[in-house]
Amino acid sequence: MIFKSVGEGRPYPEHGLSHREWAQIPPRQVRLDTLITTKAVLDLHSLLAKDSTFYGDLFPHVVQWRGEMYLEDGLHRALRAALHQRSVLHARVLDVDASAEQGPGSE
């Protein structure tokens, strides 16, 4: 099994992060088998395109919520890693649980 589960949609609350804000999160290694996808369908053109990472972030976006890791963006990158027999990939991880615990004005 490549992923922990294949989901459809985002069960976590809207985080509202822009591309610029995602870019501020340092990438870290994430095991593929801990990820739950938020898309059940992949466009093969995206997976097989040589320039698939040319536009947008080089790192997938993962949202950690209620102890689970949801692959929000970068499904084609994760599958490409799996096809190359890698069990981990570098991703930007937003911990929504930690953000909710801090609450507004706690910075």
N, C-alpha and C. Protein backbone atom coordinates (compact mmCIF):
# COMPACT_ATOMS: atom_id res chain seq x y z
N MET A 1 0.84 -1.18 0.00
CA MET A 1 0.00 0.00 0.00
C MET A 1 0.89 1.24 0.00
N ILE A 2 0.56 2.21 -0.84
CA ILE A 2 1.36 3.43 -0.95
C ILE A 2 0.98 4.42 0.14
N PHE A 3 -0.31 4.71 0.27
CA PHE A 3 -0.81 5.69 1.23
C PHE A 3 -1.55 4.99 2.36
N LYS A 4 -1.73 5.70 3.47
CA LYS A 4 -2.52 5.15 4.58
C LYS A 4 -3.96 4.95 4.14
N SER A 5 -4.47 5.93 3.37
CA SER A 5 -5.85 5.86 2.90
C SER A 5 -6.03 6.81 1.72
N VAL A 6 -7.01 6.51 0.89
CA VAL A 6 -7.38 7.39 -0.21
C VAL A 6 -8.68 8.07 0.17
N GLY A 7 -8.61 9.38 0.34
CA GLY A 7 -9.80 10.14 0.73
C GLY A 7 -10.34 10.94 -0.43
N GLU A 8 -11.43 11.61 -0.18
CA GLU A 8 -12.06 12.48 -1.18
C GLU A 8 -12.50 13.73 -0.44
N GLY A 9 -11.81 14.82 -0.66
CA GLY A 9 -12.13 16.07 0.01
C GLY A 9 -11.27 16.31 1.23
N ARG A 10 -11.43 17.48 1.79
CA ARG A 10 -10.64 17.92 2.93
C ARG A 10 -11.50 17.91 4.19
N PRO A 11 -11.27 16.98 5.12
CA PRO A 11 -12.08 16.91 6.33
C PRO A 11 -11.72 17.95 7.38
N TYR A 12 -10.58 18.57 7.24
CA TYR A 12 -10.08 19.54 8.22
C TYR A 12 -10.63 20.94 7.92
N PRO A 13 -10.60 21.83 8.91
CA PRO A 13 -11.11 23.19 8.70
C PRO A 13 -10.25 23.96 7.70
N GLU A 14 -10.85 24.92 7.04
CA GLU A 14 -10.14 25.76 6.08
C GLU A 14 -9.02 26.51 6.80
N HIS A 15 -7.81 26.43 6.25
CA HIS A 15 -6.68 27.09 6.90
C HIS A 15 -6.38 28.46 6.29
N GLY A 16 -6.76 28.68 5.05
CA GLY A 16 -6.60 29.99 4.42
C GLY A 16 -5.18 30.40 4.09
N LEU A 17 -4.23 29.47 4.05
CA LEU A 17 -2.85 29.83 3.73
C LEU A 17 -2.69 30.13 2.25
N SER A 18 -1.97 31.19 1.96
CA SER A 18 -1.65 31.55 0.58
C SER A 18 -0.41 30.76 0.15
N HIS A 19 -0.09 30.81 -1.14
CA HIS A 19 1.12 30.15 -1.64
C HIS A 19 2.36 30.73 -0.96
N ARG A 20 2.36 32.01 -0.73
CA ARG A 20 3.49 32.67 -0.07
C ARG A 20 3.64 32.17 1.38
N GLU A 21 2.52 31.99 2.08
CA GLU A 21 2.57 31.50 3.46
C GLU A 21 3.02 30.04 3.52
N TRP A 22 2.57 29.22 2.56
CA TRP A 22 3.05 27.84 2.50
C TRP A 22 4.56 27.82 2.31
N ALA A 23 5.07 28.72 1.50
CA ALA A 23 6.51 28.76 1.20
C ALA A 23 7.35 29.06 2.44
N GLN A 24 6.74 29.63 3.47
CA GLN A 24 7.46 29.93 4.71
C GLN A 24 7.63 28.71 5.61
N ILE A 25 6.90 27.64 5.32
CA ILE A 25 7.00 26.42 6.13
C ILE A 25 8.15 25.58 5.58
N PRO A 26 9.15 25.28 6.41
CA PRO A 26 10.27 24.48 5.91
C PRO A 26 9.85 23.04 5.61
N PRO A 27 10.31 22.48 4.51
CA PRO A 27 9.96 21.09 4.19
C PRO A 27 10.60 20.12 5.18
N ARG A 28 9.93 19.00 5.37
CA ARG A 28 10.47 17.93 6.21
C ARG A 28 10.09 16.60 5.58
N GLN A 29 10.75 15.55 6.00
CA GLN A 29 10.45 14.23 5.46
C GLN A 29 9.15 13.70 6.04
N VAL A 30 8.35 13.11 5.15
CA VAL A 30 7.07 12.51 5.54
C VAL A 30 7.00 11.13 4.88
N ARG A 31 6.61 10.15 5.64
CA ARG A 31 6.44 8.80 5.07
C ARG A 31 5.16 8.75 4.25
N LEU A 32 5.24 8.17 3.08
CA LEU A 32 4.07 8.05 2.21
C LEU A 32 2.95 7.25 2.88
N ASP A 33 3.31 6.23 3.64
CA ASP A 33 2.28 5.38 4.24
C ASP A 33 1.59 6.01 5.45
N THR A 34 1.94 7.26 5.77
CA THR A 34 1.22 7.99 6.83
C THR A 34 0.24 8.99 6.25
N LEU A 35 0.24 9.14 4.93
CA LEU A 35 -0.58 10.16 4.27
C LEU A 35 -1.95 9.65 3.86
N ILE A 36 -2.93 10.53 4.01
CA ILE A 36 -4.28 10.29 3.50
C ILE A 36 -4.50 11.30 2.38
N THR A 37 -4.83 10.84 1.21
CA THR A 37 -5.01 11.76 0.09
C THR A 37 -6.34 12.51 0.24
N THR A 38 -6.41 13.69 -0.35
CA THR A 38 -7.67 14.44 -0.38
C THR A 38 -8.28 14.41 -1.78
N LYS A 39 -7.64 13.67 -2.67
CA LYS A 39 -8.14 13.47 -4.03
C LYS A 39 -8.09 11.99 -4.35
N ALA A 40 -9.14 11.48 -4.93
CA ALA A 40 -9.17 10.07 -5.31
C ALA A 40 -8.80 9.87 -6.78
N VAL A 41 -8.72 10.97 -7.53
CA VAL A 41 -8.47 10.90 -8.97
C VAL A 41 -7.24 11.73 -9.31
N LEU A 42 -6.42 11.21 -10.20
CA LEU A 42 -5.21 11.91 -10.65
C LEU A 42 -5.21 12.01 -12.16
N ASP A 43 -4.85 13.15 -12.66
CA ASP A 43 -4.70 13.35 -14.10
C ASP A 43 -3.32 12.81 -14.50
N LEU A 44 -3.29 11.80 -15.36
CA LEU A 44 -2.01 11.21 -15.77
C LEU A 44 -1.10 12.22 -16.47
N HIS A 45 -1.67 13.21 -17.13
CA HIS A 45 -0.85 14.24 -17.75
C HIS A 45 -0.01 14.95 -16.69
N SER A 46 -0.58 15.21 -15.53
CA SER A 46 0.16 15.84 -14.44
C SER A 46 1.26 14.93 -13.91
N LEU A 47 0.94 13.65 -13.78
CA LEU A 47 1.92 12.70 -13.26
C LEU A 47 3.11 12.53 -14.19
N LEU A 48 2.84 12.47 -15.47
CA LEU A 48 3.89 12.14 -16.43
C LEU A 48 4.58 13.36 -17.03
N ALA A 49 4.09 14.56 -16.76
CA ALA A 49 4.69 15.77 -17.34
C ALA A 49 6.09 15.99 -16.78
N LYS A 50 7.03 16.28 -17.67
CA LYS A 50 8.41 16.53 -17.25
C LYS A 50 8.53 17.82 -16.45
N ASP A 51 7.66 18.79 -16.73
CA ASP A 51 7.75 20.08 -16.03
C ASP A 51 6.67 20.22 -14.96
N SER A 52 6.25 19.10 -14.37
CA SER A 52 5.13 19.14 -13.43
C SER A 52 5.42 19.98 -12.19
N THR A 53 6.68 20.17 -11.85
CA THR A 53 7.00 21.00 -10.68
C THR A 53 7.49 22.39 -11.10
N PHE A 54 7.42 22.70 -12.38
CA PHE A 54 7.90 24.01 -12.85
C PHE A 54 7.03 25.14 -12.33
N TYR A 55 5.72 24.93 -12.35
CA TYR A 55 4.79 25.93 -11.85
C TYR A 55 4.34 25.51 -10.46
N GLY A 56 4.40 26.40 -9.51
CA GLY A 56 3.95 26.08 -8.16
C GLY A 56 5.10 25.65 -7.27
N ASP A 57 4.74 25.14 -6.12
CA ASP A 57 5.70 24.75 -5.09
C ASP A 57 6.39 23.44 -5.48
N LEU A 58 7.67 23.34 -5.16
CA LEU A 58 8.40 22.10 -5.40
C LEU A 58 8.03 21.01 -4.41
N PHE A 59 7.47 21.41 -3.27
CA PHE A 59 7.16 20.46 -2.21
C PHE A 59 5.66 20.29 -2.04
N PRO A 60 5.21 19.06 -1.84
CA PRO A 60 3.79 18.84 -1.57
C PRO A 60 3.36 19.53 -0.28
N HIS A 61 2.06 19.79 -0.17
CA HIS A 61 1.49 20.43 1.02
C HIS A 61 0.70 19.38 1.79
N VAL A 62 1.02 19.24 3.08
CA VAL A 62 0.37 18.28 3.96
C VAL A 62 -0.23 19.04 5.13
N VAL A 63 -1.45 18.69 5.48
CA VAL A 63 -2.13 19.29 6.64
C VAL A 63 -2.26 18.21 7.71
N GLN A 64 -1.71 18.50 8.88
CA GLN A 64 -1.84 17.59 10.01
C GLN A 64 -3.02 18.04 10.85
N TRP A 65 -3.99 17.14 11.02
CA TRP A 65 -5.22 17.48 11.74
C TRP A 65 -5.72 16.25 12.48
N ARG A 66 -5.96 16.41 13.77
CA ARG A 66 -6.45 15.33 14.62
C ARG A 66 -5.59 14.08 14.52
N GLY A 67 -4.28 14.29 14.47
CA GLY A 67 -3.34 13.18 14.45
C GLY A 67 -3.15 12.51 13.10
N GLU A 68 -3.83 13.00 12.08
CA GLU A 68 -3.71 12.42 10.73
C GLU A 68 -3.00 13.41 9.80
N MET A 69 -2.36 12.88 8.77
CA MET A 69 -1.64 13.68 7.80
C MET A 69 -2.37 13.61 6.45
N TYR A 70 -2.87 14.77 6.00
CA TYR A 70 -3.66 14.83 4.76
C TYR A 70 -2.83 15.48 3.66
N LEU A 71 -2.68 14.80 2.55
CA LEU A 71 -1.95 15.31 1.40
C LEU A 71 -2.87 16.24 0.62
N GLU A 72 -2.72 17.54 0.85
CA GLU A 72 -3.61 18.52 0.23
C GLU A 72 -3.22 18.84 -1.21
N ASP A 73 -1.93 18.95 -1.45
CA ASP A 73 -1.44 19.31 -2.78
C ASP A 73 -0.15 18.54 -3.04
N GLY A 74 0.01 18.00 -4.24
CA GLY A 74 1.23 17.29 -4.58
C GLY A 74 1.04 15.80 -4.74
N LEU A 75 -0.19 15.37 -5.04
CA LEU A 75 -0.44 13.94 -5.22
C LEU A 75 0.46 13.35 -6.31
N HIS A 76 0.63 14.08 -7.40
CA HIS A 76 1.47 13.55 -8.48
C HIS A 76 2.93 13.41 -8.04
N ARG A 77 3.41 14.31 -7.20
CA ARG A 77 4.78 14.20 -6.69
C ARG A 77 4.92 12.99 -5.77
N ALA A 78 3.92 12.77 -4.93
CA ALA A 78 3.95 11.62 -4.02
C ALA A 78 3.91 10.31 -4.80
N LEU A 79 3.08 10.23 -5.82
CA LEU A 79 3.02 9.01 -6.63
C LEU A 79 4.31 8.80 -7.42
N ARG A 80 4.89 9.87 -7.88
CA ARG A 80 6.16 9.75 -8.59
C ARG A 80 7.23 9.20 -7.65
N ALA A 81 7.25 9.66 -6.40
CA ALA A 81 8.19 9.14 -5.41
C ALA A 81 7.96 7.64 -5.20
N ALA A 82 6.69 7.24 -5.09
CA ALA A 82 6.36 5.83 -4.90
C ALA A 82 6.79 4.99 -6.10
N LEU A 83 6.60 5.52 -7.31
CA LEU A 83 7.02 4.80 -8.52
C LEU A 83 8.53 4.61 -8.57
N HIS A 84 9.26 5.50 -7.92
CA HIS A 84 10.72 5.39 -7.83
C HIS A 84 11.13 4.59 -6.59
N GLN A 85 10.17 3.90 -5.99
CA GLN A 85 10.36 3.02 -4.84
C GLN A 85 10.93 3.76 -3.62
N ARG A 86 10.50 5.02 -3.46
CA ARG A 86 10.86 5.77 -2.26
C ARG A 86 9.68 5.70 -1.29
N SER A 87 9.98 5.58 -0.02
CA SER A 87 8.92 5.51 0.98
C SER A 87 8.69 6.85 1.69
N VAL A 88 9.55 7.83 1.43
CA VAL A 88 9.40 9.16 2.03
C VAL A 88 9.51 10.23 0.96
N LEU A 89 8.97 11.39 1.27
CA LEU A 89 9.16 12.55 0.41
C LEU A 89 9.27 13.78 1.30
N HIS A 90 9.82 14.83 0.77
CA HIS A 90 9.91 16.09 1.49
C HIS A 90 8.64 16.88 1.21
N ALA A 91 7.99 17.35 2.26
CA ALA A 91 6.74 18.10 2.12
C ALA A 91 6.70 19.22 3.16
N ARG A 92 5.89 20.21 2.87
CA ARG A 92 5.63 21.27 3.84
C ARG A 92 4.42 20.81 4.65
N VAL A 93 4.55 20.81 5.97
CA VAL A 93 3.49 20.29 6.84
C VAL A 93 2.93 21.41 7.71
N LEU A 94 1.64 21.65 7.56
CA LEU A 94 0.93 22.62 8.39
C LEU A 94 0.21 21.85 9.49
N ASP A 95 0.55 22.13 10.74
CA ASP A 95 -0.09 21.47 11.87
C ASP A 95 -1.27 22.31 12.31
N VAL A 96 -2.47 21.96 11.83
CA VAL A 96 -3.68 22.71 12.15
C VAL A 96 -4.02 22.56 13.62
N ASP A 97 -3.74 21.41 14.21
CA ASP A 97 -4.00 21.20 15.64
C ASP A 97 -3.23 22.20 16.49
N ALA A 98 -1.95 22.39 16.18
CA ALA A 98 -1.12 23.32 16.94
C ALA A 98 -1.60 24.75 16.73
N SER A 99 -2.01 25.10 15.51
CA SER A 99 -2.51 26.44 15.22
C SER A 99 -3.79 26.72 16.01
N ALA A 100 -4.67 25.73 16.12
CA ALA A 100 -5.93 25.90 16.84
C ALA A 100 -5.69 26.04 18.34
N GLU A 101 -4.69 25.32 18.86
CA GLU A 101 -4.38 25.40 20.28
C GLU A 101 -3.83 26.76 20.67
N GLN A 102 -3.07 27.38 19.75
CA GLN A 102 -2.48 28.68 20.04
C GLN A 102 -3.54 29.77 20.09
N GLY A 103 -4.52 29.64 19.21
CA GLY A 103 -5.63 30.60 19.20
C GLY A 103 -5.19 31.95 18.68
N PRO A 104 -6.14 32.87 18.48
CA PRO A 104 -5.83 34.18 17.94
C PRO A 104 -5.05 35.01 18.95
N GLY A 105 -4.08 35.77 18.42
CA GLY A 105 -3.32 36.70 19.24
C GLY A 105 -2.30 36.06 20.16
N SER A 106 -1.95 34.80 19.94
CA SER A 106 -0.99 34.13 20.81
C SER A 106 0.43 34.18 20.28
N GLU A 107 0.67 34.94 19.22
CA GLU A 107 2.02 34.98 18.65
C GLU A 107 2.93 35.86 19.45
